[in-house]
Every structure is written in structure tokens, then in C-alpha cells.
Protein backbone atom coordinates (compact mmCIF):
# COMPACT_ATOMS: atom_id res chain seq x y z
CA UNK A 1 -0.15 -0.15 0.08
CA UNK A 2 1.13 3.47 -0.65
CA UNK A 3 1.37 6.25 1.90
CA UNK A 4 -2.14 7.66 1.22
CA UNK A 5 -3.94 4.23 1.81
CA UNK A 6 -1.80 3.67 4.98
CA UNK A 7 -2.92 7.06 6.27
CA UNK A 8 -6.55 6.56 5.43
CA UNK A 9 -6.55 3.36 7.10
CA UNK A 10 -4.90 4.66 10.54
CA UNK A 11 -7.75 7.62 9.89
CA UNK A 12 -10.43 4.78 9.51
CA UNK A 13 -9.40 3.05 12.67
CA UNK A 14 -9.31 6.16 14.98
CA UNK A 15 -12.47 6.98 13.73
CA UNK A 16 -14.01 3.61 14.73
CA UNK A 17 -12.44 3.56 18.19
CA UNK A 18 -13.72 7.01 18.92
CA UNK A 19 -17.19 5.82 18.23
CA UNK A 20 -17.72 8.17 15.44
CA UNK A 21 -18.11 5.56 12.72
CA UNK A 22 -20.09 6.32 9.59
CA UNK A 23 -20.71 3.53 7.18
CA UNK A 24 -20.67 5.60 4.00
CA UNK A 25 -17.59 7.05 5.13
CA UNK A 26 -15.87 3.98 5.37
CA UNK A 27 -16.95 2.40 2.29
CA UNK A 28 -15.74 5.51 0.49
CA UNK A 29 -12.41 5.14 2.12
CA UNK A 30 -12.24 1.49 1.14
CA UNK A 31 -13.34 1.65 -2.51
CA UNK A 32 -10.63 4.55 -2.83
CA UNK A 33 -7.92 1.59 -2.23
CA UNK A 34 -7.09 -0.15 -5.38
CA UNK A 35 -8.68 -3.64 -5.25
CA UNK A 36 -5.68 -5.53 -5.06
CA UNK A 37 -5.05 -3.73 -1.82
CA UNK A 38 -8.25 -3.72 -0.13
CA UNK A 39 -7.74 -7.05 2.04
CA UNK A 40 -4.38 -5.73 3.46
CA UNK A 41 -6.07 -2.40 3.99
CA UNK A 42 -8.96 -3.91 5.88
CA UNK A 43 -6.75 -6.01 7.94
CA UNK A 44 -4.79 -3.04 8.92
CA UNK A 45 -7.90 -1.14 10.16
CA UNK A 46 -8.97 -4.09 12.18
CA UNK A 47 -5.76 -4.75 13.71
CA UNK A 48 -5.56 -8.85 12.27
CA UNK A 49 -1.90 -8.97 12.03
CA UNK A 50 -1.24 -12.20 14.52
CA UNK A 51 -3.83 -14.80 14.22
CA UNK A 52 -4.04 -18.14 15.89
CA UNK A 53 -3.82 -21.02 13.91
CA UNK A 54 -6.59 -23.77 13.67
CA UNK A 55 -6.69 -26.01 16.88
CA UNK A 56 -8.15 -29.41 17.86
CA UNK A 57 -11.46 -28.09 18.34
CA UNK A 58 -11.95 -28.14 14.75
CA UNK A 59 -14.30 -30.95 13.85
CA UNK A 60 -13.98 -33.67 11.15
CA UNK A 61 -15.09 -32.48 7.95
CA UNK A 62 -14.91 -28.85 9.08
CA UNK A 63 -12.65 -26.51 7.16
CA UNK A 64 -9.69 -24.52 8.48
CA UNK A 65 -10.24 -20.83 8.45
CA UNK A 66 -9.48 -19.00 5.32
CA UNK A 67 -10.35 -15.30 5.08
CA UNK A 68 -13.13 -14.20 2.33
CA UNK A 69 -11.88 -11.57 -0.07
CA UNK A 70 -12.92 -8.13 0.60
CA UNK A 71 -14.17 -8.00 -3.00
CA UNK A 72 -16.81 -10.79 -2.65
CA UNK A 73 -17.92 -9.42 0.69
CA UNK A 74 -18.55 -6.06 -1.20
CA UNK A 75 -20.41 -7.73 -3.72
CA UNK A 76 -22.42 -9.66 -1.11
CA UNK A 77 -23.31 -6.66 0.93
CA UNK A 78 -24.65 -4.80 -2.15
CA UNK A 79 -26.32 -7.95 -4.00
CA UNK A 80 -28.08 -9.69 -0.95
CA UNK A 81 -28.41 -6.41 -0.07
CA UNK A 82 -27.29 -6.11 3.77
CA UNK A 83 -29.08 -3.19 5.26
CA UNK A 84 -28.61 -1.38 8.57
CA UNK A 85 -31.88 -3.16 9.88
CA UNK A 86 -30.51 -6.55 9.16
CA UNK A 87 -28.63 -8.93 11.64
CA UNK A 88 -25.66 -10.69 9.49
CA UNK A 89 -24.64 -14.34 10.63
CA UNK A 90 -21.44 -15.54 9.33
CA UNK A 91 -21.43 -19.48 9.94
CA UNK A 92 -17.83 -20.52 10.61
CA UNK A 93 -16.53 -16.65 11.55
CA UNK A 94 -12.89 -17.20 12.38
CA UNK A 95 -11.53 -14.43 14.00
CA UNK A 96 -14.43 -12.05 13.09
CA UNK A 97 -13.22 -10.49 10.17
CA UNK A 98 -16.37 -10.62 8.05
CA UNK A 99 -18.59 -9.80 10.84
CA UNK A 100 -16.59 -6.77 11.74
CA UNK A 101 -16.49 -5.53 8.09
CA UNK A 102 -20.16 -6.03 7.23
CA UNK A 103 -21.06 -4.19 10.37
CA UNK A 104 -18.76 -1.32 9.30
CA UNK A 105 -20.08 -0.92 5.64
CA UNK A 106 -23.46 -1.30 6.67
CA UNK A 107 -24.18 -0.76 10.22
CA UNK A 108 -26.08 -4.04 10.49
CA UNK A 109 -25.89 -5.99 13.58
CA UNK A 110 -23.65 -9.11 13.10
CA UNK A 111 -23.08 -12.42 14.74
CA UNK A 112 -20.30 -14.97 14.39
CA UNK A 113 -20.52 -18.62 14.91
CA UNK A 114 -17.48 -20.12 15.54
CA UNK A 115 -16.35 -23.78 17.10
CA UNK A 116 -12.53 -23.01 17.69
CA UNK A 117 -12.04 -21.38 21.14
CA UNK A 118 -8.83 -19.36 19.95
CA UNK A 119 -10.51 -17.86 17.08
CA UNK A 120 -13.61 -17.07 19.23
CA UNK A 121 -11.20 -15.11 21.61
CA UNK A 122 -9.65 -13.12 18.72
CA UNK A 123 -13.12 -12.37 17.39
CA UNK A 124 -14.27 -11.03 20.69
CA UNK A 125 -11.11 -9.14 21.30
CA UNK A 126 -11.44 -7.50 17.92
CA UNK A 127 -15.01 -6.28 18.69
CA UNK A 128 -13.81 -5.10 22.19
CA UNK A 129 -10.84 -3.36 20.53
CA UNK A 130 -12.76 -1.36 18.26
CA UNK A 131 -15.88 -0.92 20.44
CA UNK A 132 -18.17 -2.64 17.85
CA UNK A 133 -21.20 -3.35 20.31
CA UNK A 134 -23.32 -4.56 17.44
CA UNK A 135 -20.81 -7.44 16.81
CA UNK A 136 -20.74 -10.55 18.71
CA UNK A 137 -19.17 -13.91 18.25
CA UNK A 138 -20.55 -17.23 19.69
CA UNK A 139 -18.65 -20.20 20.69
CA UNK A 140 -20.24 -23.66 19.60
CA UNK A 141 -20.88 -25.76 16.61
CA UNK A 142 -22.84 -23.95 14.02
CA UNK A 143 -24.55 -27.15 13.23
CA UNK A 144 -26.36 -26.83 16.65
CA UNK A 145 -26.14 -22.84 17.20
CA UNK A 146 -27.97 -22.07 13.79
CA UNK A 147 -31.30 -23.08 14.98
CA UNK A 148 -31.38 -20.42 17.68
CA UNK A 149 -30.20 -17.58 15.24
CA UNK A 150 -33.92 -16.26 15.16
CA UNK A 151 -32.94 -12.52 14.85
CA UNK A 152 -30.63 -13.31 11.76
CA UNK A 153 -31.67 -12.40 8.45
CA UNK A 154 -28.67 -12.85 6.14
CA UNK A 155 -26.77 -15.96 6.31
CA UNK A 156 -23.10 -16.24 5.18
CA UNK A 157 -21.44 -19.51 4.46
CA UNK A 158 -17.81 -19.36 3.23
CA UNK A 159 -17.18 -23.18 2.91
CA UNK A 160 -17.34 -23.83 6.49
CA UNK A 161 -18.49 -27.27 6.10
CA UNK A 162 -20.56 -29.62 3.58
CA UNK A 163 -22.65 -32.87 3.65
CA UNK A 164 -24.87 -33.70 6.49
CA UNK A 165 -23.58 -30.74 8.82
CA UNK A 166 -24.90 -28.26 5.91
CA UNK A 167 -27.85 -30.01 5.45
CA UNK A 168 -28.77 -29.82 9.08
CA UNK A 169 -28.15 -25.88 9.16
CA UNK A 170 -30.55 -25.53 6.37
CA UNK A 171 -33.21 -27.55 7.89
CA UNK A 172 -32.70 -25.60 11.19
CA UNK A 173 -33.22 -22.46 9.20
CA UNK A 174 -36.33 -23.18 7.65
CA UNK A 175 -38.59 -22.38 10.58
CA UNK A 176 -37.09 -19.08 10.77
CA UNK A 177 -37.78 -18.21 7.11
CA UNK A 178 -41.55 -19.16 7.99
CA UNK A 179 -41.40 -15.83 9.81
CA UNK A 180 -39.68 -13.46 7.34
CA UNK A 181 -37.36 -13.39 4.35
CA UNK A 182 -33.88 -14.76 4.76
CA UNK A 183 -30.90 -14.23 2.29
CA UNK A 184 -28.55 -17.22 2.27
CA UNK A 185 -25.03 -16.21 0.92
CA UNK A 186 -22.72 -18.99 -0.18
CA UNK A 187 -19.10 -18.61 -1.59
CA UNK A 188 -17.94 -21.53 -3.67
CA UNK A 189 -20.49 -23.92 -1.78
CA UNK A 190 -23.51 -25.03 -3.46
CA UNK A 191 -26.39 -25.55 -1.34
CA UNK A 192 -28.44 -28.93 -1.36
CA UNK A 193 -31.86 -28.16 -3.10
CA UNK A 194 -34.71 -26.95 -0.42
CA UNK A 195 -38.28 -26.04 -1.28
CA UNK A 196 -38.09 -22.98 0.79
CA UNK A 197 -35.01 -21.59 -0.84
CA UNK A 198 -34.81 -19.97 -4.30
CA UNK A 199 -31.34 -19.47 -6.01
CA UNK A 200 -31.09 -16.47 -7.73
CA UNK A 201 -30.33 -16.77 -11.49
CA UNK A 202 -27.38 -15.68 -13.44
CA UNK A 203 -24.69 -16.30 -10.82
CA UNK A 204 -21.23 -17.11 -11.58
CA UNK A 205 -20.87 -19.89 -8.99
CA UNK A 206 -18.38 -18.13 -6.63
CA UNK A 207 -20.94 -16.05 -4.94
CA UNK A 208 -24.56 -17.41 -4.69
CA UNK A 209 -27.49 -15.87 -2.96
CA UNK A 210 -30.46 -17.68 -2.34
CA UNK A 211 -33.88 -16.14 -0.79
CA UNK A 212 -36.38 -17.98 1.21
CA UNK A 213 -39.89 -18.28 -0.29
CA UNK A 214 -42.84 -17.62 1.42
CA UNK A 215 -44.90 -20.75 2.49
CA UNK A 216 -47.77 -20.23 0.54
CA UNK A 217 -45.84 -19.78 -2.84
CA UNK A 218 -43.55 -22.94 -2.46
CA UNK A 219 -43.95 -25.88 -4.74
CA UNK A 220 -45.83 -28.99 -3.21
CA UNK A 221 -44.23 -31.93 -2.26
CA UNK A 222 -45.10 -34.78 -4.70
CA UNK A 223 -45.64 -38.15 -2.96
CA UNK A 224 -45.59 -41.24 -5.17
CA UNK A 225 -48.40 -43.71 -4.26
CA UNK A 226 -47.75 -47.33 -4.64
CA UNK A 227 -50.49 -49.45 -6.34
């Protein structure tokens, strides 16, 4: 990064820490940074320079923490979209990078679900360090916790797991979707089909966004009767 980008990152961090954060000003500063430097800029603002590695709490079938690119998160925020009135839930939140960034970009409340205690500690420390009162990280298995995320409206999956655990999370979200529209955003993770979810057409396969379908508009389940 050049000197101007370093200066803007320091200014953004000071503004956040003082409690004077403005999502539109933060976004303007971020998009003013060259695309190839935005991940480093965000990490500098958030103070993410020494993260713990994955530990023994990572379950079989779980995916080690990998940060989602800022460019994909910007697309998700715009295309879902994520509004200040939403609650964003990151399934497999790692050290809290995505929940902090989405909150800073939109003002939305943000909740991270993370099974590894070291990463939960890092996420909570990040929120405390920057005074992000609407950003929280819960420790536990997302396959169990998702059913309790009744306040969530946008759910984000960056390859946390697949198979039976992913299917369980989707099934646990269905009762929540019966109360209001949910947006389910996935990066490089095809979702198993569910009658209550409709995939937006025309996606490139990297970022997929599905929306819950009101119960009255869902296709009926076909039952084959044997003779």
C-alpha cells in the first residue's frame, strides 16, 4: 500500500475507536483503495496481524479458517443486500473479520458462529478493541447454534462445512424463514436444494445468493403412491 492508503487506514481505525463511525465514509475510504490492496487495508484497520492457527476443536469435516476476500464481501453486501436493519450471521466466523467488516460497511448487527475457542477469543478481542457493540461471536458448533439464530436475516457461508452438517443447518433455518425473508449467501459452496429456498439466476458460481420463499408460494411436495 502507498502512504495515502496507510494514512486512510489509520484514520478509519481512529474514527471507529472513537465511536464516530460512519458506514458511508468507511465504504468510500475502502473503495478508494486499489482492489488488490483492499484485503491488506481492511486487516490493517481491524488490527488482524497475528491470528491463531486452527486447533484441535476443528471437527472432522470442518474446513480450516480462510479469510473471504473483501471484493466478495462487498458484492455480497450490495447484492443480498445487507441493510442497517439486518442481522448478518457468519457461519464459521473465524477471528471475526467478516462480521466486523459487514457491520462497518452497513451498520447491520452481526453475529459470528465459531467452534474454535482461539478464534472466538480473537473475534471477541477485535470487537472489544474497536468498540463494536453490535458485533458478537458465539462459541459452538454452527450445526447446533444455527437453529437459535432467530434474529438473523442474512446468513453467510464461506465453505465452513458440507454434507450432513450443512443439510442440518439449512433444515434448522427453515422455521426461521417461515417468519420473514432470509437471504442465504454462499461462496464456492453449492447448497443442497430446499423447497423453501430459491437460488437467484445468473450467478457466476463463486457467490450464490438464495432467498427464502413464502410458505404459500412453495412448490408442493410430490408423493408417489404405490399400487
